Amino acid sequence: MKIRVYYEDTDAGGVVYHSNYLKFCERARSEIFFAKNIDIFDAKRGHFLLTKADCHFLQSAKLGDILEIKTELLDIKRASLILCQEIYKQDEKLFRAEFTLAFVKDSKIAKIDENLKRIFEELL
């Protein structure tokens, strides 16, 4: 997924504020479902919750930059998965994170639906 850095994403010096890298990754994860026309945001069906984030800030993005967020599945289990997401400006890696997401239904950890599993397995 590609995005542009806007003024609202930056600090007073025009550099992307650190928490916005997490927002960019969240948007890219949401786009996975939007692209498949799946309503993952229906709580009755279940949803993913972030349980762990291991972030590495490598370089700074700046106002006006076009960024690409790449998502790869590292591991999938019965009720959780681990994704690697990297943010690039052209060929330069700016950010890398591993996110652990748990699947929750009715406020309890639950088995990931087979259709959802297949969507993530496409990211291998």
PDB file of N, CA and C in Angstrom:
ATOM      1  N   MET A   1       0.845  -1.171   0.000  1.00  0.00           N
ATOM      2  CA  MET A   1       0.000   0.000   0.000  1.00  0.00           C
ATOM      3  C   MET A   1       0.895   1.240   0.000  1.00  0.00           C
ATOM      4  N   LYS A   2       0.530   2.221  -0.793  1.00  0.00           N
ATOM      5  CA  LYS A   2       1.294   3.475  -0.835  1.00  0.00           C
ATOM      6  C   LYS A   2       0.475   4.590  -0.202  1.00  0.00           C
ATOM      7  N   ILE A   3       1.185   5.464   0.497  1.00  0.00           N
ATOM      8  CA  ILE A   3       0.559   6.640   1.101  1.00  0.00           C
ATOM      9  C   ILE A   3       1.501   7.830   0.965  1.00  0.00           C
ATOM     10  N   ARG A   4       0.919   9.007   1.059  1.00  0.00           N
ATOM     11  CA  ARG A   4       1.711  10.238   1.070  1.00  0.00           C
ATOM     12  C   ARG A   4       1.747  10.764   2.501  1.00  0.00           C
ATOM     13  N   VAL A   5       2.867  11.354   2.876  1.00  0.00           N
ATOM     14  CA  VAL A   5       2.999  11.985   4.188  1.00  0.00           C
ATOM     15  C   VAL A   5       2.423  13.395   4.101  1.00  0.00           C
ATOM     16  N   TYR A   6       1.443  13.671   4.947  1.00  0.00           N
ATOM     17  CA  TYR A   6       0.811  14.987   5.005  1.00  0.00           C
ATOM     18  C   TYR A   6       1.293  15.765   6.230  1.00  0.00           C
ATOM     19  N   TYR A   7       1.003  17.044   6.215  1.00  0.00           N
ATOM     20  CA  TYR A   7       1.411  17.925   7.305  1.00  0.00           C
ATOM     21  C   TYR A   7       0.971  17.376   8.663  1.00  0.00           C
ATOM     22  N   GLU A   8      -0.250  16.845   8.726  1.00  0.00           N
ATOM     23  CA  GLU A   8      -0.782  16.327   9.992  1.00  0.00           C
ATOM     24  C   GLU A   8       0.000  15.129  10.520  1.00  0.00           C
ATOM     25  N   ASP A   9       0.821  14.484   9.662  1.00  0.00           N
ATOM     26  CA  ASP A   9       1.616  13.328  10.057  1.00  0.00           C
ATOM     27  C   ASP A   9       2.959  13.710  10.668  1.00  0.00           C
ATOM     28  N   THR A  10       3.297  15.001  10.618  1.00  0.00           N
ATOM     29  CA  THR A  10       4.657  15.423  10.970  1.00  0.00           C
ATOM     30  C   THR A  10       4.701  16.283  12.227  1.00  0.00           C
ATOM     31  N   ASP A  11       5.929  16.436  12.723  1.00  0.00           N
ATOM     32  CA  ASP A  11       6.161  17.347  13.838  1.00  0.00           C
ATOM     33  C   ASP A  11       6.464  18.741  13.266  1.00  0.00           C
ATOM     34  N   ALA A  12       6.864  19.653  14.104  1.00  0.00           N
ATOM     35  CA  ALA A  12       7.106  21.032  13.664  1.00  0.00           C
ATOM     36  C   ALA A  12       8.234  21.132  12.643  1.00  0.00           C
ATOM     37  N   GLY A  13       9.103  20.134  12.594  1.00  0.00           N
ATOM     38  CA  GLY A  13      10.214  20.150  11.642  1.00  0.00           C
ATOM     39  C   GLY A  13       9.914  19.444  10.333  1.00  0.00           C
ATOM     40  N   GLY A  14       8.682  18.974  10.158  1.00  0.00           N
ATOM     41  CA  GLY A  14       8.317  18.300   8.923  1.00  0.00           C
ATOM     42  C   GLY A  14       8.719  16.830   8.867  1.00  0.00           C
ATOM     43  N   VAL A  15       9.093  16.259  10.021  1.00  0.00           N
ATOM     44  CA  VAL A  15       9.488  14.859  10.110  1.00  0.00           C
ATOM     45  C   VAL A  15       8.304  14.061  10.670  1.00  0.00           C
ATOM     46  N   VAL A  16       8.062  12.870  10.102  1.00  0.00           N
ATOM     47  CA  VAL A  16       6.943  12.047  10.558  1.00  0.00           C
ATOM     48  C   VAL A  16       7.109  11.717  12.039  1.00  0.00           C
ATOM     49  N   TYR A  17       6.063  11.994  12.795  1.00  0.00           N
ATOM     50  CA  TYR A  17       6.021  11.699  14.224  1.00  0.00           C
ATOM     51  C   TYR A  17       6.008  10.186  14.407  1.00  0.00           C
ATOM     52  N   HIS A  18       6.748   9.678  15.384  1.00  0.00           N
ATOM     53  CA  HIS A  18       6.982   8.239  15.510  1.00  0.00           C
ATOM     54  C   HIS A  18       5.708   7.392  15.581  1.00  0.00           C
ATOM     55  N   SER A  19       4.678   7.860  16.259  1.00  0.00           N
ATOM     56  CA  SER A  19       3.466   7.044  16.390  1.00  0.00           C
ATOM     57  C   SER A  19       2.727   6.881  15.064  1.00  0.00           C
ATOM     58  N   ASN A  20       2.993   7.759  14.116  1.00  0.00           N
ATOM     59  CA  ASN A  20       2.295   7.661  12.837  1.00  0.00           C
ATOM     60  C   ASN A  20       2.768   6.483  11.995  1.00  0.00           C
ATOM     61  N   TYR A  21       3.973   5.978  12.254  1.00  0.00           N
ATOM     62  CA  TYR A  21       4.397   4.765  11.562  1.00  0.00           C
ATOM     63  C   TYR A  21       3.473   3.605  11.945  1.00  0.00           C
ATOM     64  N   LEU A  22       3.052   3.582  13.189  1.00  0.00           N
ATOM     65  CA  LEU A  22       2.110   2.549  13.645  1.00  0.00           C
ATOM     66  C   LEU A  22       0.759   2.720  12.955  1.00  0.00           C
ATOM     67  N   LYS A  23       0.310   3.963  12.793  1.00  0.00           N
ATOM     68  CA  LYS A  23      -0.946   4.226  12.079  1.00  0.00           C
ATOM     69  C   LYS A  23      -0.853   3.778  10.627  1.00  0.00           C
ATOM     70  N   PHE A  24       0.271   4.060   9.988  1.00  0.00           N
ATOM     71  CA  PHE A  24       0.447   3.661   8.596  1.00  0.00           C
ATOM     72  C   PHE A  24       0.353   2.136   8.466  1.00  0.00           C
ATOM     73  N   CYS A  25       0.965   1.417   9.397  1.00  0.00           N
ATOM     74  CA  CYS A  25       0.909  -0.050   9.376  1.00  0.00           C
ATOM     75  C   CYS A  25      -0.511  -0.541   9.622  1.00  0.00           C
ATOM     76  N   GLU A  26      -1.213   0.104  10.534  1.00  0.00           N
ATOM     77  CA  GLU A  26      -2.608  -0.272  10.810  1.00  0.00           C
ATOM     78  C   GLU A  26      -3.466  -0.084   9.561  1.00  0.00           C
ATOM     79  N   ARG A  27      -3.250   1.001   8.856  1.00  0.00           N
ATOM     80  CA  ARG A  27      -4.001   1.241   7.619  1.00  0.00           C
ATOM     81  C   ARG A  27      -3.719   0.143   6.597  1.00  0.00           C
ATOM     82  N   ALA A  28      -2.464  -0.245   6.484  1.00  0.00           N
ATOM     83  CA  ALA A  28      -2.107  -1.296   5.523  1.00  0.00           C
ATOM     84  C   ALA A  28      -2.760  -2.625   5.907  1.00  0.00           C
ATOM     85  N   ARG A  29      -2.823  -2.924   7.199  1.00  0.00           N
ATOM     86  CA  ARG A  29      -3.500  -4.159   7.627  1.00  0.00           C
ATOM     87  C   ARG A  29      -4.990  -4.080   7.309  1.00  0.00           C
ATOM     88  N   SER A  30      -5.597  -2.928   7.514  1.00  0.00           N
ATOM     89  CA  SER A  30      -7.021  -2.760   7.187  1.00  0.00           C
ATOM     90  C   SER A  30      -7.256  -2.932   5.688  1.00  0.00           C
ATOM     91  N   GLU A  31      -6.351  -2.429   4.877  1.00  0.00           N
ATOM     92  CA  GLU A  31      -6.496  -2.522   3.423  1.00  0.00           C
ATOM     93  C   GLU A  31      -6.503  -3.963   2.937  1.00  0.00           C
ATOM     94  N   ILE A  32      -5.845  -4.858   3.667  1.00  0.00           N
ATOM     95  CA  ILE A  32      -5.879  -6.280   3.309  1.00  0.00           C
ATOM     96  C   ILE A  32      -7.323  -6.763   3.276  1.00  0.00           C
ATOM     97  N   PHE A  33      -8.106  -6.368   4.280  1.00  0.00           N
ATOM     98  CA  PHE A  33      -9.514  -6.781   4.357  1.00  0.00           C
ATOM     99  C   PHE A  33     -10.385  -6.018   3.364  1.00  0.00           C
ATOM    100  N   PHE A  34     -10.143  -4.712   3.224  1.00  0.00           N
ATOM    101  CA  PHE A  34     -10.921  -3.924   2.266  1.00  0.00           C
ATOM    102  C   PHE A  34     -10.768  -4.486   0.858  1.00  0.00           C
ATOM    103  N   ALA A  35      -9.553  -4.902   0.498  1.00  0.00           N
ATOM    104  CA  ALA A  35      -9.291  -5.432  -0.841  1.00  0.00           C
ATOM    105  C   ALA A  35     -10.070  -6.717  -1.111  1.00  0.00           C
ATOM    106  N   LYS A  36     -10.395  -7.445  -0.052  1.00  0.00           N
ATOM    107  CA  LYS A  36     -11.134  -8.709  -0.180  1.00  0.00           C
ATOM    108  C   LYS A  36     -12.620  -8.549   0.138  1.00  0.00           C
ATOM    109  N   ASN A  37     -13.055  -7.306   0.365  1.00  0.00           N
ATOM    110  CA  ASN A  37     -14.454  -7.021   0.731  1.00  0.00           C
ATOM    111  C   ASN A  37     -14.906  -7.808   1.954  1.00  0.00           C
ATOM    112  N   ILE A  38     -14.040  -7.880   2.957  1.00  0.00           N
ATOM    113  CA  ILE A  38     -14.359  -8.587   4.201  1.00  0.00           C
ATOM    114  C   ILE A  38     -14.533  -7.560   5.305  1.00  0.00           C
ATOM    115  N   ASP A  39     -15.644  -7.665   6.020  1.00  0.00           N
ATOM    116  CA  ASP A  39     -15.916  -6.756   7.133  1.00  0.00           C
ATOM    117  C   ASP A  39     -15.339  -7.339   8.417  1.00  0.00           C
ATOM    118  N   ILE A  40     -14.049  -7.139   8.611  1.00  0.00           N
ATOM    119  CA  ILE A  40     -13.375  -7.637   9.812  1.00  0.00           C
ATOM    120  C   ILE A  40     -13.721  -6.777  11.026  1.00  0.00           C
ATOM    121  N   PHE A  41     -14.386  -5.684  10.796  1.00  0.00           N
ATOM    122  CA  PHE A  41     -14.667  -4.745  11.874  1.00  0.00           C
ATOM    123  C   PHE A  41     -16.018  -5.000  12.530  1.00  0.00           C
ATOM    124  N   ASP A  42     -16.649  -6.117  12.181  1.00  0.00           N
ATOM    125  CA  ASP A  42     -17.893  -6.540  12.816  1.00  0.00           C
ATOM    126  C   ASP A  42     -17.523  -7.357  14.055  1.00  0.00           C
ATOM    127  N   ALA A  43     -17.690  -6.776  15.231  1.00  0.00           N
ATOM    128  CA  ALA A  43     -17.262  -7.419  16.477  1.00  0.00           C
ATOM    129  C   ALA A  43     -17.941  -8.764  16.708  1.00  0.00           C
ATOM    130  N   LYS A  44     -19.143  -8.948  16.195  1.00  0.00           N
ATOM    131  CA  LYS A  44     -19.834 -10.231  16.361  1.00  0.00           C
ATOM    132  C   LYS A  44     -19.097 -11.355  15.641  1.00  0.00           C
ATOM    133  N   ARG A  45     -18.456 -10.993  14.559  1.00  0.00           N
ATOM    134  CA  ARG A  45     -17.716 -11.973  13.759  1.00  0.00           C
ATOM    135  C   ARG A  45     -16.350 -12.282  14.363  1.00  0.00           C
ATOM    136  N   GLY A  46     -15.841 -11.367  15.137  1.00  0.00           N
ATOM    137  CA  GLY A  46     -14.504 -11.480  15.712  1.00  0.00           C
ATOM    138  C   GLY A  46     -13.601 -10.433  15.101  1.00  0.00           C
ATOM    139  N   HIS A  47     -12.507 -10.143  15.778  1.00  0.00           N
ATOM    140  CA  HIS A  47     -11.574  -9.140  15.280  1.00  0.00           C
ATOM    141  C   HIS A  47     -10.183  -9.402  15.859  1.00  0.00           C
ATOM    142  N   PHE A  48      -9.205  -8.713  15.316  1.00  0.00           N
ATOM    143  CA  PHE A  48      -7.832  -8.864  15.771  1.00  0.00           C
ATOM    144  C   PHE A  48      -7.468  -7.729  16.725  1.00  0.00           C
ATOM    145  N   LEU A  49      -6.727  -8.090  17.769  1.00  0.00           N
ATOM    146  CA  LEU A  49      -6.194  -7.115  18.709  1.00  0.00           C
ATOM    147  C   LEU A  49      -4.674  -7.219  18.713  1.00  0.00           C
ATOM    148  N   LEU A  50      -4.025  -6.085  18.702  1.00  0.00           N
ATOM    149  CA  LEU A  50      -2.569  -6.053  18.782  1.00  0.00           C
ATOM    150  C   LEU A  50      -2.143  -6.426  20.195  1.00  0.00           C
ATOM    151  N   THR A  51      -1.271  -7.426  20.316  1.00  0.00           N
ATOM    152  CA  THR A  51      -0.794  -7.831  21.646  1.00  0.00           C
ATOM    153  C   THR A  51       0.684  -7.529  21.852  1.00  0.00           C
ATOM    154  N   LYS A  52       1.423  -7.346  20.745  1.00  0.00           N
ATOM    155  CA  LYS A  52       2.857  -7.067  20.865  1.00  0.00           C
ATOM    156  C   LYS A  52       3.333  -6.335  19.622  1.00  0.00           C
ATOM    157  N   ALA A  53       4.213  -5.359  19.815  1.00  0.00           N
ATOM    158  CA  ALA A  53       4.818  -4.631  18.696  1.00  0.00           C
ATOM    159  C   ALA A  53       6.310  -4.463  18.968  1.00  0.00           C
ATOM    160  N   ASP A  54       7.125  -4.933  18.055  1.00  0.00           N
ATOM    161  CA  ASP A  54       8.577  -4.785  18.140  1.00  0.00           C
ATOM    162  C   ASP A  54       8.990  -3.874  16.990  1.00  0.00           C
ATOM    163  N   CYS A  55       9.209  -2.595  17.290  1.00  0.00           N
ATOM    164  CA  CYS A  55       9.407  -1.566  16.270  1.00  0.00           C
ATOM    165  C   CYS A  55      10.860  -1.126  16.166  1.00  0.00           C
ATOM    166  N   HIS A  56      11.277  -0.898  14.939  1.00  0.00           N
ATOM    167  CA  HIS A  56      12.629  -0.406  14.666  1.00  0.00           C
ATOM    168  C   HIS A  56      12.521   0.793  13.731  1.00  0.00           C
ATOM    169  N   PHE A  57      12.860   1.958  14.249  1.00  0.00           N
ATOM    170  CA  PHE A  57      12.826   3.200  13.484  1.00  0.00           C
ATOM    171  C   PHE A  57      14.214   3.388  12.873  1.00  0.00           C
ATOM    172  N   LEU A  58      14.309   3.268  11.553  1.00  0.00           N
ATOM    173  CA  LEU A  58      15.609   3.235  10.892  1.00  0.00           C
ATOM    174  C   LEU A  58      15.999   4.569  10.256  1.00  0.00           C
ATOM    175  N   GLN A  59      15.041   5.218   9.615  1.00  0.00           N
ATOM    176  CA  GLN A  59      15.257   6.514   8.968  1.00  0.00           C
ATOM    177  C   GLN A  59      13.974   7.324   9.116  1.00  0.00           C
ATOM    178  N   SER A  60      14.066   8.608   8.879  1.00  0.00           N
ATOM    179  CA  SER A  60      12.891   9.472   9.005  1.00  0.00           C
ATOM    180  C   SER A  60      12.218   9.721   7.662  1.00  0.00           C
ATOM    181  N   ALA A  61      10.897   9.687   7.687  1.00  0.00           N
ATOM    182  CA  ALA A  61      10.113  10.137   6.535  1.00  0.00           C
ATOM    183  C   ALA A  61       9.784  11.606   6.756  1.00  0.00           C
ATOM    184  N   LYS A  62       9.553  12.309   5.664  1.00  0.00           N
ATOM    185  CA  LYS A  62       9.320  13.752   5.756  1.00  0.00           C
ATOM    186  C   LYS A  62       8.070  14.146   4.981  1.00  0.00           C
ATOM    187  N   LEU A  63       7.616  15.336   5.265  1.00  0.00           N
ATOM    188  CA  LEU A  63       6.442  15.900   4.619  1.00  0.00           C
ATOM    189  C   LEU A  63       6.539  15.754   3.106  1.00  0.00           C
ATOM    190  N   GLY A  64       5.481  15.203   2.496  1.00  0.00           N
ATOM    191  CA  GLY A  64       5.418  15.053   1.050  1.00  0.00           C
ATOM    192  C   GLY A  64       5.944  13.730   0.519  1.00  0.00           C
ATOM    193  N   ASP A  65       6.670  12.967   1.341  1.00  0.00           N
ATOM    194  CA  ASP A  65       7.205  11.683   0.876  1.00  0.00           C
ATOM    195  C   ASP A  65       6.074  10.731   0.496  1.00  0.00           C
ATOM    196  N   ILE A  66       6.345   9.894  -0.490  1.00  0.00           N
ATOM    197  CA  ILE A  66       5.454   8.786  -0.836  1.00  0.00           C
ATOM    198  C   ILE A  66       6.076   7.537  -0.218  1.00  0.00           C
ATOM    199  N   LEU A  67       5.298   6.879   0.622  1.00  0.00           N
ATOM    200  CA  LEU A  67       5.783   5.703   1.341  1.00  0.00           C
ATOM    201  C   LEU A  67       5.041   4.463   0.875  1.00  0.00           C
ATOM    202  N   GLU A  68       5.721   3.341   0.924  1.00  0.00           N
ATOM    203  CA  GLU A  68       5.090   2.059   0.630  1.00  0.00           C
ATOM    204  C   GLU A  68       5.197   1.185   1.864  1.00  0.00           C
ATOM    205  N   ILE A  69       4.062   0.612   2.269  1.00  0.00           N
ATOM    206  CA  ILE A  69       4.019  -0.287   3.418  1.00  0.00           C
ATOM    207  C   ILE A  69       3.872  -1.699   2.881  1.00  0.00           C
ATOM    208  N   LYS A  70       4.823  -2.548   3.226  1.00  0.00           N
ATOM    209  CA  LYS A  70       4.813  -3.943   2.800  1.00  0.00           C
ATOM    210  C   LYS A  70       4.498  -4.818   4.006  1.00  0.00           C
ATOM    211  N   THR A  71       3.641  -5.807   3.792  1.00  0.00           N
ATOM    212  CA  THR A  71       3.198  -6.679   4.871  1.00  0.00           C
ATOM    213  C   THR A  71       3.483  -8.125   4.502  1.00  0.00           C
ATOM    214  N   GLU A  72       4.063  -8.856   5.450  1.00  0.00           N
ATOM    215  CA  GLU A  72       4.380 -10.269   5.236  1.00  0.00           C
ATOM    216  C   GLU A  72       3.973 -11.068   6.473  1.00  0.00           C
ATOM    217  N   LEU A  73       3.378 -12.211   6.249  1.00  0.00           N
ATOM    218  CA  LEU A  73       3.030 -13.120   7.338  1.00  0.00           C
ATOM    219  C   LEU A  73       4.275 -13.894   7.745  1.00  0.00           C
ATOM    220  N   LEU A  74       4.622 -13.844   9.034  1.00  0.00           N
ATOM    221  CA  LEU A  74       5.759 -14.608   9.537  1.00  0.00           C
ATOM    222  C   LEU A  74       5.323 -15.927  10.155  1.00  0.00           C
ATOM    223  N   ASP A  75       4.179 -15.911  10.844  1.00  0.00           N
ATOM    224  CA  ASP A  75       3.705 -17.111  11.523  1.00  0.00           C
ATOM    225  C   ASP A  75       2.207 -16.991  11.765  1.00  0.00           C
ATOM    226  N   ILE A  76       1.519 -18.111  11.690  1.00  0.00           N
ATOM    227  CA  ILE A  76       0.098 -18.120  12.014  1.00  0.00           C
ATOM    228  C   ILE A  76      -0.180 -19.351  12.861  1.00  0.00           C
ATOM    229  N   LYS A  77      -0.913 -19.115  13.918  1.00  0.00           N
ATOM    230  CA  LYS A  77      -1.282 -20.189  14.838  1.00  0.00           C
ATOM    231  C   LYS A  77      -2.799 -20.254  14.901  1.00  0.00           C
ATOM    232  N   ARG A  78      -3.293 -21.045  15.815  1.00  0.00           N
ATOM    233  CA  ARG A  78      -4.734 -21.244  15.942  1.00  0.00           C
ATOM    234  C   ARG A  78      -5.479 -19.945  16.198  1.00  0.00           C
ATOM    235  N   ALA A  79      -4.956 -19.092  17.093  1.00  0.00           N
ATOM    236  CA  ALA A  79      -5.676 -17.883  17.502  1.00  0.00           C
ATOM    237  C   ALA A  79      -4.839 -16.603  17.399  1.00  0.00           C
ATOM    238  N   SER A  80      -3.684 -16.691  16.764  1.00  0.00           N
ATOM    239  CA  SER A  80      -2.845 -15.494  16.645  1.00  0.00           C
ATOM    240  C   SER A  80      -1.989 -15.578  15.393  1.00  0.00           C
ATOM    241  N   LEU A  81      -1.410 -14.450  15.048  1.00  0.00           N
ATOM    242  CA  LEU A  81      -0.489 -14.408  13.923  1.00  0.00           C
ATOM    243  C   LEU A  81       0.558 -13.343  14.169  1.00  0.00           C
ATOM    244  N   ILE A  82       1.661 -13.482  13.455  1.00  0.00           N
ATOM    245  CA  ILE A  82       2.741 -12.501  13.532  1.00  0.00           C
ATOM    246  C   ILE A  82       2.981 -11.972  12.126  1.00  0.00           C
ATOM    247  N   LEU A  83       2.930 -10.661  12.002  1.00  0.00           N
ATOM    248  CA  LEU A  83       3.172  -9.985  10.731  1.00  0.00           C
ATOM    249  C   LEU A  83       4.435  -9.148  10.823  1.00  0.00           C
ATOM    250  N   CYS A  84       5.169  -9.101   9.729  1.00  0.00           N
ATOM    251  CA  CYS A  84       6.267  -8.156   9.585  1.00  0.00           C
ATOM    252  C   CYS A  84       5.767  -7.064   8.656  1.00  0.00           C
ATOM    253  N   GLN A  85       5.890  -5.821   9.085  1.00  0.00           N
ATOM    254  CA  GLN A  85       5.528  -4.704   8.219  1.00  0.00           C
ATOM    255  C   GLN A  85       6.729  -3.770   8.120  1.00  0.00           C
ATOM    256  N   GLU A  86       7.026  -3.402   6.878  1.00  0.00           N
ATOM    257  CA  GLU A  86       8.139  -2.502   6.614  1.00  0.00           C
ATOM    258  C   GLU A  86       7.639  -1.319   5.810  1.00  0.00           C
ATOM    259  N   ILE A  87       8.213  -0.169   6.103  1.00  0.00           N
ATOM    260  CA  ILE A  87       7.851   1.058   5.390  1.00  0.00           C
ATOM    261  C   ILE A  87       9.080   1.535   4.618  1.00  0.00           C
ATOM    262  N   TYR A  88       8.860   1.765   3.335  1.00  0.00           N
ATOM    263  CA  TYR A  88       9.932   2.191   2.438  1.00  0.00           C
ATOM    264  C   TYR A  88       9.616   3.539   1.815  1.00  0.00           C
ATOM    265  N   LYS A  89      10.685   4.279   1.545  1.00  0.00           N
ATOM    266  CA  LYS A  89      10.629   5.446   0.661  1.00  0.00           C
ATOM    267  C   LYS A  89      11.523   5.074  -0.511  1.00  0.00           C
ATOM    268  N   GLN A  90      10.902   4.789  -1.642  1.00  0.00           N
ATOM    269  CA  GLN A  90      11.583   4.202  -2.802  1.00  0.00           C
ATOM    270  C   GLN A  90      12.246   2.904  -2.332  1.00  0.00           C
ATOM    271  N   ASP A  91      13.555   2.765  -2.431  1.00  0.00           N
ATOM    272  CA  ASP A  91      14.225   1.521  -2.034  1.00  0.00           C
ATOM    273  C   ASP A  91      14.799   1.588  -0.615  1.00  0.00           C
ATOM    274  N   GLU A  92      14.603   2.698   0.067  1.00  0.00           N
ATOM    275  CA  GLU A  92      15.180   2.892   1.393  1.00  0.00           C
ATOM    276  C   GLU A  92      14.194   2.476   2.488  1.00  0.00           C
ATOM    277  N   LYS A  93      14.596   1.492   3.297  1.00  0.00           N
ATOM    278  CA  LYS A  93      13.747   1.038   4.396  1.00  0.00           C
ATOM    279  C   LYS A  93      13.826   2.042   5.543  1.00  0.00           C
ATOM    280  N   LEU A  94      12.654   2.548   5.958  1.00  0.00           N
ATOM    281  CA  LEU A  94      12.589   3.543   7.021  1.00  0.00           C
ATOM    282  C   LEU A  94      12.167   2.950   8.357  1.00  0.00           C
ATOM    283  N   PHE A  95      11.364   1.893   8.304  1.00  0.00           N
ATOM    284  CA  PHE A  95      10.738   1.361   9.519  1.00  0.00           C
ATOM    285  C   PHE A  95      10.488  -0.122   9.334  1.00  0.00           C
ATOM    286  N   ARG A  96      10.662  -0.868  10.413  1.00  0.00           N
ATOM    287  CA  ARG A  96      10.350  -2.304  10.402  1.00  0.00           C
ATOM    288  C   ARG A  96       9.740  -2.658  11.745  1.00  0.00           C
ATOM    289  N   ALA A  97       8.681  -3.459  11.693  1.00  0.00           N
ATOM    290  CA  ALA A  97       8.046  -3.896  12.938  1.00  0.00           C
ATOM    291  C   ALA A  97       7.498  -5.302  12.779  1.00  0.00           C
ATOM    292  N   GLU A  98       7.518  -6.029  13.873  1.00  0.00           N
ATOM    293  CA  GLU A  98       6.827  -7.306  13.956  1.00  0.00           C
ATOM    294  C   GLU A  98       5.661  -7.111  14.906  1.00  0.00           C
ATOM    295  N   PHE A  99       4.472  -7.443  14.426  1.00  0.00           N
ATOM    296  CA  PHE A  99       3.250  -7.282  15.202  1.00  0.00           C
ATOM    297  C   PHE A  99       2.640  -8.647  15.480  1.00  0.00           C
ATOM    298  N   THR A 100       2.317  -8.901  16.732  1.00  0.00           N
ATOM    299  CA  THR A 100       1.569 -10.092  17.098  1.00  0.00           C
ATOM    300  C   THR A 100       0.127  -9.670  17.305  1.00  0.00           C
ATOM    301  N   LEU A 101      -0.774 -10.356  16.604  1.00  0.00           N
ATOM    302  CA  LEU A 101      -2.200 -10.048  16.674  1.00  0.00           C
ATOM    303  C   LEU A 101      -2.948 -11.286  17.159  1.00  0.00           C
ATOM    304  N   ALA A 102      -3.818 -11.097  18.128  1.00  0.00           N
ATOM    305  CA  ALA A 102      -4.663 -12.187  18.625  1.00  0.00           C
ATOM    306  C   ALA A 102      -6.064 -12.010  18.055  1.00  0.00           C
ATOM    307  N   PHE A 103      -6.710 -13.136  17.742  1.00  0.00           N
ATOM    308  CA  PHE A 103      -8.083 -13.100  17.266  1.00  0.00           C
ATOM    309  C   PHE A 103      -9.011 -13.228  18.466  1.00  0.00           C
ATOM    310  N   VAL A 104      -9.985 -12.322  18.550  1.00  0.00           N
ATOM    311  CA  VAL A 104     -10.892 -12.251  19.692  1.00  0.00           C
ATOM    312  C   VAL A 104     -12.332 -12.275  19.197  1.00  0.00           C
ATOM    313  N   LYS A 105     -13.136 -13.054  19.884  1.00  0.00           N
ATOM    314  CA  LYS A 105     -14.569 -13.111  19.588  1.00  0.00           C
ATOM    315  C   LYS A 105     -15.301 -13.180  20.920  1.00  0.00           C
ATOM    316  N   ASP A 106     -16.323 -12.373  21.074  1.00  0.00           N
ATOM    317  CA  ASP A 106     -17.077 -12.314  22.333  1.00  0.00           C
ATOM    318  C   ASP A 106     -16.158 -12.066  23.530  1.00  0.00           C
ATOM    319  N   SER A 107     -15.177 -11.184  23.330  1.00  0.00           N
ATOM    320  CA  SER A 107     -14.218 -10.779  24.372  1.00  0.00           C
ATOM    321  C   SER A 107     -13.314 -11.905  24.852  1.00  0.00           C
ATOM    322  N   LYS A 108     -13.162 -12.960  24.030  1.00  0.00           N
ATOM    323  CA  LYS A 108     -12.289 -14.083  24.388  1.00  0.00           C
ATOM    324  C   LYS A 108     -11.416 -14.439  23.198  1.00  0.00           C
ATOM    325  N   ILE A 109     -10.221 -14.927  23.490  1.00  0.00           N
ATOM    326  CA  ILE A 109      -9.357 -15.434  22.437  1.00  0.00           C
ATOM    327  C   ILE A 109     -10.098 -16.566  21.725  1.00  0.00           C
ATOM    328  N   ALA A 110     -10.060 -16.562  20.395  1.00  0.00           N
ATOM    329  CA  ALA A 110     -10.811 -17.547  19.620  1.00  0.00           C
ATOM    330  C   ALA A 110      -9.979 -18.035  18.431  1.00  0.00           C
ATOM    331  N   LYS A 111     -10.383 -19.169  17.884  1.00  0.00           N
ATOM    332  CA  LYS A 111      -9.741 -19.727  16.701  1.00  0.00           C
ATOM    333  C   LYS A 111      -9.993 -18.799  15.508  1.00  0.00           C
ATOM    334  N   ILE A 112      -8.947 -18.559  14.723  1.00  0.00           N
ATOM    335  CA  ILE A 112      -9.073 -17.727  13.530  1.00  0.00           C
ATOM    336  C   ILE A 112      -9.875 -18.495  12.483  1.00  0.00           C
ATOM    337  N   ASP A 113     -10.870 -17.847  11.944  1.00  0.00           N
ATOM    338  CA  ASP A 113     -11.707 -18.409  10.887  1.00  0.00           C
ATOM    339  C   ASP A 113     -10.825 -18.845   9.709  1.00  0.00           C
ATOM    340  N   GLU A 114     -11.157 -19.963   9.086  1.00  0.00           N
ATOM    341  CA  GLU A 114     -10.352 -20.499   7.978  1.00  0.00           C
ATOM    342  C   GLU A 114     -10.264 -19.527   6.797  1.00  0.00           C
ATOM    343  N   ASN A 115     -11.331 -18.784   6.516  1.00  0.00           N
ATOM    344  CA  ASN A 115     -11.284 -17.797   5.428  1.00  0.00           C
ATOM    345  C   ASN A 115     -10.274 -16.693   5.736  1.00  0.00           C
ATOM    346  N   LEU A 116     -10.239 -16.247   6.982  1.00  0.00           N
ATOM    347  CA  LEU A 116      -9.272 -15.225   7.372  1.00  0.00           C
ATOM    348  C   LEU A 116      -7.853 -15.788   7.305  1.00  0.00           C
ATOM    349  N   LYS A 117      -7.697 -17.023   7.735  1.00  0.00           N
ATOM    350  CA  LYS A 117      -6.371 -17.655   7.673  1.00  0.00           C
ATOM    351  C   LYS A 117      -5.843 -17.663   6.247  1.00  0.00           C
ATOM    352  N   ARG A 118      -6.708 -18.021   5.296  1.00  0.00           N
ATOM    353  CA  ARG A 118      -6.282 -18.070   3.891  1.00  0.00           C
ATOM    354  C   ARG A 118      -5.827 -16.693   3.389  1.00  0.00           C
ATOM    355  N   ILE A 119      -6.521 -15.653   3.818  1.00  0.00           N
ATOM    356  CA  ILE A 119      -6.141 -14.293   3.397  1.00  0.00           C
ATOM    357  C   ILE A 119      -4.715 -13.977   3.852  1.00  0.00           C
ATOM    358  N   PHE A 120      -4.417 -14.326   5.098  1.00  0.00           N
ATOM    359  CA  PHE A 120      -3.083 -14.043   5.606  1.00  0.00           C
ATOM    360  C   PHE A 120      -2.036 -14.966   4.992  1.00  0.00           C
ATOM    361  N   GLU A 121      -2.401 -16.200   4.715  1.00  0.00           N
ATOM    362  CA  GLU A 121      -1.455 -17.123   4.090  1.00  0.00           C
ATOM    363  C   GLU A 121      -1.042 -16.647   2.704  1.00  0.00           C
ATOM    364  N   GLU A 122      -1.875 -15.854   2.043  1.00  0.00           N
ATOM    365  CA  GLU A 122      -1.510 -15.259   0.752  1.00  0.00           C
ATOM    366  C   GLU A 122      -0.343 -14.287   0.896  1.00  0.00           C
ATOM    367  N   LEU A 123      -0.088 -13.817   2.117  1.00  0.00           N
ATOM    368  CA  LEU A 123       0.998 -12.869   2.350  1.00  0.00           C
ATOM    369  C   LEU A 123       2.350 -13.554   2.537  1.00  0.00           C
ATOM    370  N   LEU A 124       2.360 -14.901   2.534  1.00  0.00           N
ATOM    371  CA  LEU A 124       3.624 -15.639   2.695  1.00  0.00           C
ATOM    372  C   LEU A 124       4.539 -15.413   1.521  1.00  0.00           C
TER     373      LEU A 124
END
